Amino acid sequence: MNRAIFALALALALALSGCVTTAGVVKRDEGVGLPLLGGAVAADLVVSSLAASQIQGYSTGASLATGLAVTAVDVAIGCLIGACSALRP
């Protein structure tokens, strides 16, 4: 039962977070600015950590670690589609 709840919470976190990828898709032609990129990363971290905290038995550290992992995946996908253009020199 715990694995099913974990899988559901992880799927929910992945569905709700995706701010960096979404910003990259929406602002593809204009480019994503640094403030928007920072806000998208922060929103990803908050949403995915809050979703992970709903899993029974998860500690605060585990929720934050899950949030960081989901955010890292979203940033990687977002950077592949061009959302990290503000970080280029």
PDB file of N, CA and C in Angstrom:
ATOM      1  N   MET A   1       0.812  -1.190   0.000  1.00  0.00           N
ATOM      2  CA  MET A   1       0.000   0.000   0.000  1.00  0.00           C
ATOM      3  C   MET A   1       0.860   1.260   0.000  1.00  0.00           C
ATOM      4  N   ASN A   2       1.979   1.246   0.750  1.00  0.00           N
ATOM      5  CA  ASN A   2       2.851   2.408   0.809  1.00  0.00           C
ATOM      6  C   ASN A   2       3.494   2.697  -0.545  1.00  0.00           C
ATOM      7  N   ARG A   3       3.816   1.657  -1.289  1.00  0.00           N
ATOM      8  CA  ARG A   3       4.412   1.867  -2.622  1.00  0.00           C
ATOM      9  C   ARG A   3       3.409   2.504  -3.573  1.00  0.00           C
ATOM     10  N   ALA A   4       2.149   2.111  -3.453  1.00  0.00           N
ATOM     11  CA  ALA A   4       1.120   2.701  -4.312  1.00  0.00           C
ATOM     12  C   ALA A   4       0.919   4.173  -3.983  1.00  0.00           C
ATOM     13  N   ILE A   5       0.936   4.510  -2.704  1.00  0.00           N
ATOM     14  CA  ILE A   5       0.799   5.905  -2.296  1.00  0.00           C
ATOM     15  C   ILE A   5       2.008   6.704  -2.751  1.00  0.00           C
ATOM     16  N   PHE A   6       3.197   6.128  -2.619  1.00  0.00           N
ATOM     17  CA  PHE A   6       4.411   6.806  -3.081  1.00  0.00           C
ATOM     18  C   PHE A   6       4.356   7.039  -4.589  1.00  0.00           C
ATOM     19  N   ALA A   7       3.946   6.039  -5.339  1.00  0.00           N
ATOM     20  CA  ALA A   7       3.865   6.182  -6.793  1.00  0.00           C
ATOM     21  C   ALA A   7       2.837   7.237  -7.189  1.00  0.00           C
ATOM     22  N   LEU A   8       1.728   7.271  -6.487  1.00  0.00           N
ATOM     23  CA  LEU A   8       0.704   8.277  -6.763  1.00  0.00           C
ATOM     24  C   LEU A   8       1.199   9.676  -6.440  1.00  0.00           C
ATOM     25  N   ALA A   9       1.852   9.837  -5.308  1.00  0.00           N
ATOM     26  CA  ALA A   9       2.382  11.155  -4.931  1.00  0.00           C
ATOM     27  C   ALA A   9       3.476  11.608  -5.882  1.00  0.00           C
ATOM     28  N   LEU A  10       4.325  10.686  -6.311  1.00  0.00           N
ATOM     29  CA  LEU A  10       5.380  11.038  -7.260  1.00  0.00           C
ATOM     30  C   LEU A  10       4.797  11.428  -8.614  1.00  0.00           C
ATOM     31  N   ALA A  11       3.790  10.705  -9.057  1.00  0.00           N
ATOM     32  CA  ALA A  11       3.133  11.058 -10.317  1.00  0.00           C
ATOM     33  C   ALA A  11       2.457  12.416 -10.223  1.00  0.00           C
ATOM     34  N   LEU A  12       1.847  12.696  -9.078  1.00  0.00           N
ATOM     35  CA  LEU A  12       1.216  13.994  -8.862  1.00  0.00           C
ATOM     36  C   LEU A  12       2.251  15.106  -8.845  1.00  0.00           C
ATOM     37  N   ALA A  13       3.370  14.868  -8.192  1.00  0.00           N
ATOM     38  CA  ALA A  13       4.430  15.874  -8.143  1.00  0.00           C
ATOM     39  C   ALA A  13       4.987  16.148  -9.529  1.00  0.00           C
ATOM     40  N   LEU A  14       5.180  15.103 -10.313  1.00  0.00           N
ATOM     41  CA  LEU A  14       5.687  15.294 -11.676  1.00  0.00           C
ATOM     42  C   LEU A  14       4.676  15.997 -12.557  1.00  0.00           C
ATOM     43  N   ALA A  15       3.395  15.730 -12.326  1.00  0.00           N
ATOM     44  CA  ALA A  15       2.361  16.380 -13.138  1.00  0.00           C
ATOM     45  C   ALA A  15       2.208  17.848 -12.778  1.00  0.00           C
ATOM     46  N   LEU A  16       2.295  18.166 -11.496  1.00  0.00           N
ATOM     47  CA  LEU A  16       2.109  19.547 -11.065  1.00  0.00           C
ATOM     48  C   LEU A  16       3.356  20.398 -11.243  1.00  0.00           C
ATOM     49  N   SER A  17       4.503  19.787 -11.069  1.00  0.00           N
ATOM     50  CA  SER A  17       5.724  20.560 -11.255  1.00  0.00           C
ATOM     51  C   SER A  17       6.183  20.362 -12.684  1.00  0.00           C
ATOM     52  N   GLY A  18       6.774  21.310 -13.197  1.00  0.00           N
ATOM     53  CA  GLY A  18       7.214  21.308 -14.580  1.00  0.00           C
ATOM     54  C   GLY A  18       7.336  22.751 -15.022  1.00  0.00           C
ATOM     55  N   CYS A  19       7.577  23.598 -14.045  1.00  0.00           N
ATOM     56  CA  CYS A  19       7.594  25.033 -14.311  1.00  0.00           C
ATOM     57  C   CYS A  19       8.739  25.429 -15.238  1.00  0.00           C
ATOM     58  N   VAL A  20       9.894  24.838 -15.070  1.00  0.00           N
ATOM     59  CA  VAL A  20      11.037  25.186 -15.917  1.00  0.00           C
ATOM     60  C   VAL A  20      10.773  24.728 -17.347  1.00  0.00           C
ATOM     61  N   THR A  21      10.277  23.525 -17.493  1.00  0.00           N
ATOM     62  CA  THR A  21       9.959  23.012 -18.832  1.00  0.00           C
ATOM     63  C   THR A  21       8.865  23.853 -19.479  1.00  0.00           C
ATOM     64  N   THR A  22       7.846  24.191 -18.712  1.00  0.00           N
ATOM     65  CA  THR A  22       6.763  25.014 -19.247  1.00  0.00           C
ATOM     66  C   THR A  22       7.263  26.393 -19.650  1.00  0.00           C
ATOM     67  N   ALA A  23       8.119  26.994 -18.832  1.00  0.00           N
ATOM     68  CA  ALA A  23       8.678  28.306 -19.177  1.00  0.00           C
ATOM     69  C   ALA A  23       9.500  28.215 -20.457  1.00  0.00           C
ATOM     70  N   GLY A  24      10.231  27.126 -20.628  1.00  0.00           N
ATOM     71  CA  GLY A  24      11.015  26.953 -21.850  1.00  0.00           C
ATOM     72  C   GLY A  24      10.151  26.804 -23.078  1.00  0.00           C
ATOM     73  N   VAL A  25       9.030  26.126 -22.937  1.00  0.00           N
ATOM     74  CA  VAL A  25       8.125  25.933 -24.068  1.00  0.00           C
ATOM     75  C   VAL A  25       7.412  27.243 -24.408  1.00  0.00           C
ATOM     76  N   VAL A  26       6.925  27.945 -23.390  1.00  0.00           N
ATOM     77  CA  VAL A  26       6.160  29.170 -23.619  1.00  0.00           C
ATOM     78  C   VAL A  26       7.051  30.291 -24.139  1.00  0.00           C
ATOM     79  N   LYS A  27       8.234  30.429 -23.579  1.00  0.00           N
ATOM     80  CA  LYS A  27       9.126  31.531 -23.938  1.00  0.00           C
ATOM     81  C   LYS A  27      10.218  31.101 -24.907  1.00  0.00           C
ATOM     82  N   ARG A  28       9.955  30.115 -25.715  1.00  0.00           N
ATOM     83  CA  ARG A  28      10.975  29.581 -26.611  1.00  0.00           C
ATOM     84  C   ARG A  28      11.556  30.655 -27.531  1.00  0.00           C
ATOM     85  N   ASP A  29      10.718  31.470 -28.134  1.00  0.00           N
ATOM     86  CA  ASP A  29      11.194  32.474 -29.077  1.00  0.00           C
ATOM     87  C   ASP A  29      11.859  33.653 -28.379  1.00  0.00           C
ATOM     88  N   GLU A  30      11.322  34.070 -27.243  1.00  0.00           N
ATOM     89  CA  GLU A  30      11.835  35.234 -26.541  1.00  0.00           C
ATOM     90  C   GLU A  30      13.006  34.902 -25.617  1.00  0.00           C
ATOM     91  N   GLY A  31      13.093  33.689 -25.173  1.00  0.00           N
ATOM     92  CA  GLY A  31      14.104  33.293 -24.204  1.00  0.00           C
ATOM     93  C   GLY A  31      13.604  33.488 -22.786  1.00  0.00           C
ATOM     94  N   VAL A  32      14.029  32.641 -21.906  1.00  0.00           N
ATOM     95  CA  VAL A  32      13.625  32.695 -20.498  1.00  0.00           C
ATOM     96  C   VAL A  32      14.632  33.562 -19.758  1.00  0.00           C
ATOM     97  N   GLY A  33      14.150  34.606 -19.099  1.00  0.00           N
ATOM     98  CA  GLY A  33      15.030  35.474 -18.321  1.00  0.00           C
ATOM     99  C   GLY A  33      15.441  34.820 -17.016  1.00  0.00           C
ATOM    100  N   LEU A  34      16.473  35.370 -16.413  1.00  0.00           N
ATOM    101  CA  LEU A  34      16.994  34.805 -15.170  1.00  0.00           C
ATOM    102  C   LEU A  34      15.982  34.873 -14.018  1.00  0.00           C
ATOM    103  N   PRO A  35      15.234  35.984 -13.837  1.00  0.00           N
ATOM    104  CA  PRO A  35      14.238  35.991 -12.757  1.00  0.00           C
ATOM    105  C   PRO A  35      13.137  34.948 -12.953  1.00  0.00           C
ATOM    106  N   LEU A  36      12.693  34.767 -14.196  1.00  0.00           N
ATOM    107  CA  LEU A  36      11.668  33.764 -14.474  1.00  0.00           C
ATOM    108  C   LEU A  36      12.210  32.360 -14.242  1.00  0.00           C
ATOM    109  N   LEU A  37      13.447  32.125 -14.630  1.00  0.00           N
ATOM    110  CA  LEU A  37      14.061  30.816 -14.425  1.00  0.00           C
ATOM    111  C   LEU A  37      14.203  30.508 -12.937  1.00  0.00           C
ATOM    112  N   GLY A  38      14.641  31.491 -12.153  1.00  0.00           N
ATOM    113  CA  GLY A  38      14.762  31.298 -10.705  1.00  0.00           C
ATOM    114  C   GLY A  38      13.423  31.043 -10.047  1.00  0.00           C
ATOM    115  N   GLY A  39      12.409  31.790 -10.471  1.00  0.00           N
ATOM    116  CA  GLY A  39      11.066  31.582  -9.927  1.00  0.00           C
ATOM    117  C   GLY A  39      10.504  30.223 -10.286  1.00  0.00           C
ATOM    118  N   ALA A  40      10.778  29.778 -11.500  1.00  0.00           N
ATOM    119  CA  ALA A  40      10.290  28.468 -11.934  1.00  0.00           C
ATOM    120  C   ALA A  40      10.956  27.348 -11.134  1.00  0.00           C
ATOM    121  N   VAL A  41      12.254  27.483 -10.880  1.00  0.00           N
ATOM    122  CA  VAL A  41      12.960  26.468 -10.079  1.00  0.00           C
ATOM    123  C   VAL A  41      12.411  26.456  -8.655  1.00  0.00           C
ATOM    124  N   ALA A  42      12.191  27.632  -8.076  1.00  0.00           N
ATOM    125  CA  ALA A  42      11.651  27.707  -6.714  1.00  0.00           C
ATOM    126  C   ALA A  42      10.244  27.118  -6.648  1.00  0.00           C
ATOM    127  N   ALA A  43       9.420  27.422  -7.643  1.00  0.00           N
ATOM    128  CA  ALA A  43       8.056  26.885  -7.660  1.00  0.00           C
ATOM    129  C   ALA A  43       8.076  25.369  -7.795  1.00  0.00           C
ATOM    130  N   ASP A  44       8.956  24.852  -8.636  1.00  0.00           N
ATOM    131  CA  ASP A  44       9.100  23.397  -8.770  1.00  0.00           C
ATOM    132  C   ASP A  44       9.450  22.755  -7.434  1.00  0.00           C
ATOM    133  N   LEU A  45      10.421  23.345  -6.757  1.00  0.00           N
ATOM    134  CA  LEU A  45      10.885  22.779  -5.493  1.00  0.00           C
ATOM    135  C   LEU A  45       9.769  22.783  -4.449  1.00  0.00           C
ATOM    136  N   VAL A  46       9.035  23.882  -4.370  1.00  0.00           N
ATOM    137  CA  VAL A  46       7.962  23.987  -3.377  1.00  0.00           C
ATOM    138  C   VAL A  46       6.843  22.992  -3.678  1.00  0.00           C
ATOM    139  N   VAL A  47       6.392  22.967  -4.922  1.00  0.00           N
ATOM    140  CA  VAL A  47       5.258  22.103  -5.276  1.00  0.00           C
ATOM    141  C   VAL A  47       5.615  20.627  -5.101  1.00  0.00           C
ATOM    142  N   SER A  48       6.771  20.232  -5.575  1.00  0.00           N
ATOM    143  CA  SER A  48       7.125  18.811  -5.482  1.00  0.00           C
ATOM    144  C   SER A  48       7.423  18.407  -4.036  1.00  0.00           C
ATOM    145  N   SER A  49       8.014  19.300  -3.242  1.00  0.00           N
ATOM    146  CA  SER A  49       8.261  18.981  -1.831  1.00  0.00           C
ATOM    147  C   SER A  49       6.955  18.882  -1.052  1.00  0.00           C
ATOM    148  N   LEU A  50       6.024  19.781  -1.341  1.00  0.00           N
ATOM    149  CA  LEU A  50       4.727  19.706  -0.664  1.00  0.00           C
ATOM    150  C   LEU A  50       3.962  18.445  -1.055  1.00  0.00           C
ATOM    151  N   ALA A  51       4.044  18.068  -2.312  1.00  0.00           N
ATOM    152  CA  ALA A  51       3.373  16.835  -2.736  1.00  0.00           C
ATOM    153  C   ALA A  51       4.009  15.623  -2.063  1.00  0.00           C
ATOM    154  N   ALA A  52       5.334  15.623  -1.951  1.00  0.00           N
ATOM    155  CA  ALA A  52       6.014  14.493  -1.314  1.00  0.00           C
ATOM    156  C   ALA A  52       5.749  14.452   0.185  1.00  0.00           C
ATOM    157  N   SER A  53       5.506  15.600   0.790  1.00  0.00           N
ATOM    158  CA  SER A  53       5.266  15.619   2.231  1.00  0.00           C
ATOM    159  C   SER A  53       3.932  14.968   2.602  1.00  0.00           C
ATOM    160  N   GLN A  54       3.065  14.764   1.630  1.00  0.00           N
ATOM    161  CA  GLN A  54       1.776  14.136   1.895  1.00  0.00           C
ATOM    162  C   GLN A  54       1.884  12.623   2.034  1.00  0.00           C
ATOM    163  N   ILE A  55       3.034  12.071   1.730  1.00  0.00           N
ATOM    164  CA  ILE A  55       3.245  10.634   1.882  1.00  0.00           C
ATOM    165  C   ILE A  55       3.422  10.335   3.366  1.00  0.00           C
ATOM    166  N   GLN A  56       2.648   9.417   3.875  1.00  0.00           N
ATOM    167  CA  GLN A  56       2.737   9.072   5.290  1.00  0.00           C
ATOM    168  C   GLN A  56       4.078   8.428   5.573  1.00  0.00           C
ATOM    169  N   GLY A  57       4.684   8.839   6.640  1.00  0.00           N
ATOM    170  CA  GLY A  57       5.962   8.272   7.035  1.00  0.00           C
ATOM    171  C   GLY A  57       7.153   8.993   6.438  1.00  0.00           C
ATOM    172  N   TYR A  58       6.927   9.973   5.566  1.00  0.00           N
ATOM    173  CA  TYR A  58       8.028  10.732   4.980  1.00  0.00           C
ATOM    174  C   TYR A  58       8.458  11.813   5.959  1.00  0.00           C
ATOM    175  N   SER A  59       9.724  11.908   6.205  1.00  0.00           N
ATOM    176  CA  SER A  59      10.233  12.974   7.053  1.00  0.00           C
ATOM    177  C   SER A  59      10.396  14.250   6.226  1.00  0.00           C
ATOM    178  N   THR A  60      10.705  15.327   6.887  1.00  0.00           N
ATOM    179  CA  THR A  60      10.916  16.594   6.190  1.00  0.00           C
ATOM    180  C   THR A  60      12.102  16.477   5.238  1.00  0.00           C
ATOM    181  N   GLY A  61      13.149  15.824   5.693  1.00  0.00           N
ATOM    182  CA  GLY A  61      14.332  15.641   4.846  1.00  0.00           C
ATOM    183  C   GLY A  61      14.031  14.805   3.608  1.00  0.00           C
ATOM    184  N   ALA A  62      13.234  13.774   3.778  1.00  0.00           N
ATOM    185  CA  ALA A  62      12.875  12.933   2.638  1.00  0.00           C
ATOM    186  C   ALA A  62      12.005  13.700   1.652  1.00  0.00           C
ATOM    187  N   SER A  63      11.121  14.531   2.168  1.00  0.00           N
ATOM    188  CA  SER A  63      10.275  15.340   1.292  1.00  0.00           C
ATOM    189  C   SER A  63      11.110  16.339   0.499  1.00  0.00           C
ATOM    190  N   LEU A  64      12.071  16.979   1.167  1.00  0.00           N
ATOM    191  CA  LEU A  64      12.947  17.921   0.471  1.00  0.00           C
ATOM    192  C   LEU A  64      13.840  17.220  -0.549  1.00  0.00           C
ATOM    193  N   ALA A  65      14.327  16.039  -0.203  1.00  0.00           N
ATOM    194  CA  ALA A  65      15.165  15.294  -1.144  1.00  0.00           C
ATOM    195  C   ALA A  65      14.370  14.886  -2.375  1.00  0.00           C
ATOM    196  N   THR A  66      13.136  14.465  -2.181  1.00  0.00           N
ATOM    197  CA  THR A  66      12.277  14.122  -3.312  1.00  0.00           C
ATOM    198  C   THR A  66      11.997  15.353  -4.149  1.00  0.00           C
ATOM    199  N   GLY A  67      11.738  16.481  -3.492  1.00  0.00           N
ATOM    200  CA  GLY A  67      11.509  17.732  -4.207  1.00  0.00           C
ATOM    201  C   GLY A  67      12.719  18.153  -5.018  1.00  0.00           C
ATOM    202  N   LEU A  68      13.903  18.001  -4.447  1.00  0.00           N
ATOM    203  CA  LEU A  68      15.126  18.334  -5.181  1.00  0.00           C
ATOM    204  C   LEU A  68      15.339  17.417  -6.380  1.00  0.00           C
ATOM    205  N   ALA A  69      15.041  16.145  -6.210  1.00  0.00           N
ATOM    206  CA  ALA A  69      15.207  15.200  -7.316  1.00  0.00           C
ATOM    207  C   ALA A  69      14.245  15.512  -8.459  1.00  0.00           C
ATOM    208  N   VAL A  70      12.992  15.781  -8.125  1.00  0.00           N
ATOM    209  CA  VAL A  70      12.005  16.107  -9.165  1.00  0.00           C
ATOM    210  C   VAL A  70      12.375  17.421  -9.848  1.00  0.00           C
ATOM    211  N   THR A  71      12.834  18.402  -9.069  1.00  0.00           N
ATOM    212  CA  THR A  71      13.241  19.688  -9.639  1.00  0.00           C
ATOM    213  C   THR A  71      14.449  19.521 -10.546  1.00  0.00           C
ATOM    214  N   ALA A  72      15.395  18.687 -10.151  1.00  0.00           N
ATOM    215  CA  ALA A  72      16.576  18.460 -10.988  1.00  0.00           C
ATOM    216  C   ALA A  72      16.197  17.842 -12.327  1.00  0.00           C
ATOM    217  N   VAL A  73      15.259  16.919 -12.311  1.00  0.00           N
ATOM    218  CA  VAL A  73      14.807  16.312 -13.564  1.00  0.00           C
ATOM    219  C   VAL A  73      14.123  17.355 -14.438  1.00  0.00           C
ATOM    220  N   ASP A  74      13.300  18.199 -13.836  1.00  0.00           N
ATOM    221  CA  ASP A  74      12.597  19.223 -14.609  1.00  0.00           C
ATOM    222  C   ASP A  74      13.577  20.247 -15.177  1.00  0.00           C
ATOM    223  N   VAL A  75      14.580  20.648 -14.396  1.00  0.00           N
ATOM    224  CA  VAL A  75      15.575  21.594 -14.895  1.00  0.00           C
ATOM    225  C   VAL A  75      16.364  20.972 -16.043  1.00  0.00           C
ATOM    226  N   ALA A  76      16.715  19.713 -15.922  1.00  0.00           N
ATOM    227  CA  ALA A  76      17.454  19.052 -16.995  1.00  0.00           C
ATOM    228  C   ALA A  76      16.636  19.011 -18.287  1.00  0.00           C
ATOM    229  N   ILE A  77      15.373  18.656 -18.179  1.00  0.00           N
ATOM    230  CA  ILE A  77      14.507  18.623 -19.366  1.00  0.00           C
ATOM    231  C   ILE A  77      14.311  20.033 -19.911  1.00  0.00           C
ATOM    232  N   GLY A  78      14.093  20.991 -19.020  1.00  0.00           N
ATOM    233  CA  GLY A  78      13.917  22.371 -19.443  1.00  0.00           C
ATOM    234  C   GLY A  78      15.145  22.927 -20.146  1.00  0.00           C
ATOM    235  N   CYS A  79      16.319  22.602 -19.631  1.00  0.00           N
ATOM    236  CA  CYS A  79      17.549  23.076 -20.270  1.00  0.00           C
ATOM    237  C   CYS A  79      17.755  22.437 -21.644  1.00  0.00           C
ATOM    238  N   LEU A  80      17.320  21.208 -21.792  1.00  0.00           N
ATOM    239  CA  LEU A  80      17.434  20.561 -23.100  1.00  0.00           C
ATOM    240  C   LEU A  80      16.582  21.242 -24.164  1.00  0.00           C
ATOM    241  N   ILE A  81      15.462  21.834 -23.747  1.00  0.00           N
ATOM    242  CA  ILE A  81      14.608  22.503 -24.724  1.00  0.00           C
ATOM    243  C   ILE A  81      14.876  24.002 -24.795  1.00  0.00           C
ATOM    244  N   GLY A  82      15.875  24.486 -24.054  1.00  0.00           N
ATOM    245  CA  GLY A  82      16.294  25.872 -24.191  1.00  0.00           C
ATOM    246  C   GLY A  82      15.873  26.810 -23.093  1.00  0.00           C
ATOM    247  N   ALA A  83      15.377  26.324 -21.971  1.00  0.00           N
ATOM    248  CA  ALA A  83      14.930  27.214 -20.901  1.00  0.00           C
ATOM    249  C   ALA A  83      16.100  27.830 -20.137  1.00  0.00           C
ATOM    250  N   CYS A  84      17.275  27.283 -20.258  1.00  0.00           N
ATOM    251  CA  CYS A  84      18.435  27.788 -19.500  1.00  0.00           C
ATOM    252  C   CYS A  84      19.289  28.740 -20.324  1.00  0.00           C
ATOM    253  N   SER A  85      18.712  29.349 -21.324  1.00  0.00           N
ATOM    254  CA  SER A  85      19.480  30.257 -22.180  1.00  0.00           C
ATOM    255  C   SER A  85      19.976  31.475 -21.415  1.00  0.00           C
ATOM    256  N   ALA A  86      19.315  31.842 -20.320  1.00  0.00           N
ATOM    257  CA  ALA A  86      19.754  32.989 -19.521  1.00  0.00           C
ATOM    258  C   ALA A  86      21.067  32.705 -18.805  1.00  0.00           C
ATOM    259  N   LEU A  87      21.425  31.456 -18.665  1.00  0.00           N
ATOM    260  CA  LEU A  87      22.662  31.096 -17.966  1.00  0.00           C
ATOM    261  C   LEU A  87      23.881  31.123 -18.878  1.00  0.00           C
ATOM    262  N   ARG A  88      23.671  31.248 -20.176  1.00  0.00           N
ATOM    263  CA  ARG A  88      24.796  31.299 -21.108  1.00  0.00           C
ATOM    264  C   ARG A  88      25.454  32.676 -21.049  1.00  0.00           C
ATOM    265  N   PRO A  89      26.769  32.722 -21.215  1.00  0.00           N
ATOM    266  CA  PRO A  89      27.454  34.032 -21.175  1.00  0.00           C
ATOM    267  C   PRO A  89      27.174  34.878 -22.388  1.00  0.00           C
TER     268      PRO A  89
END
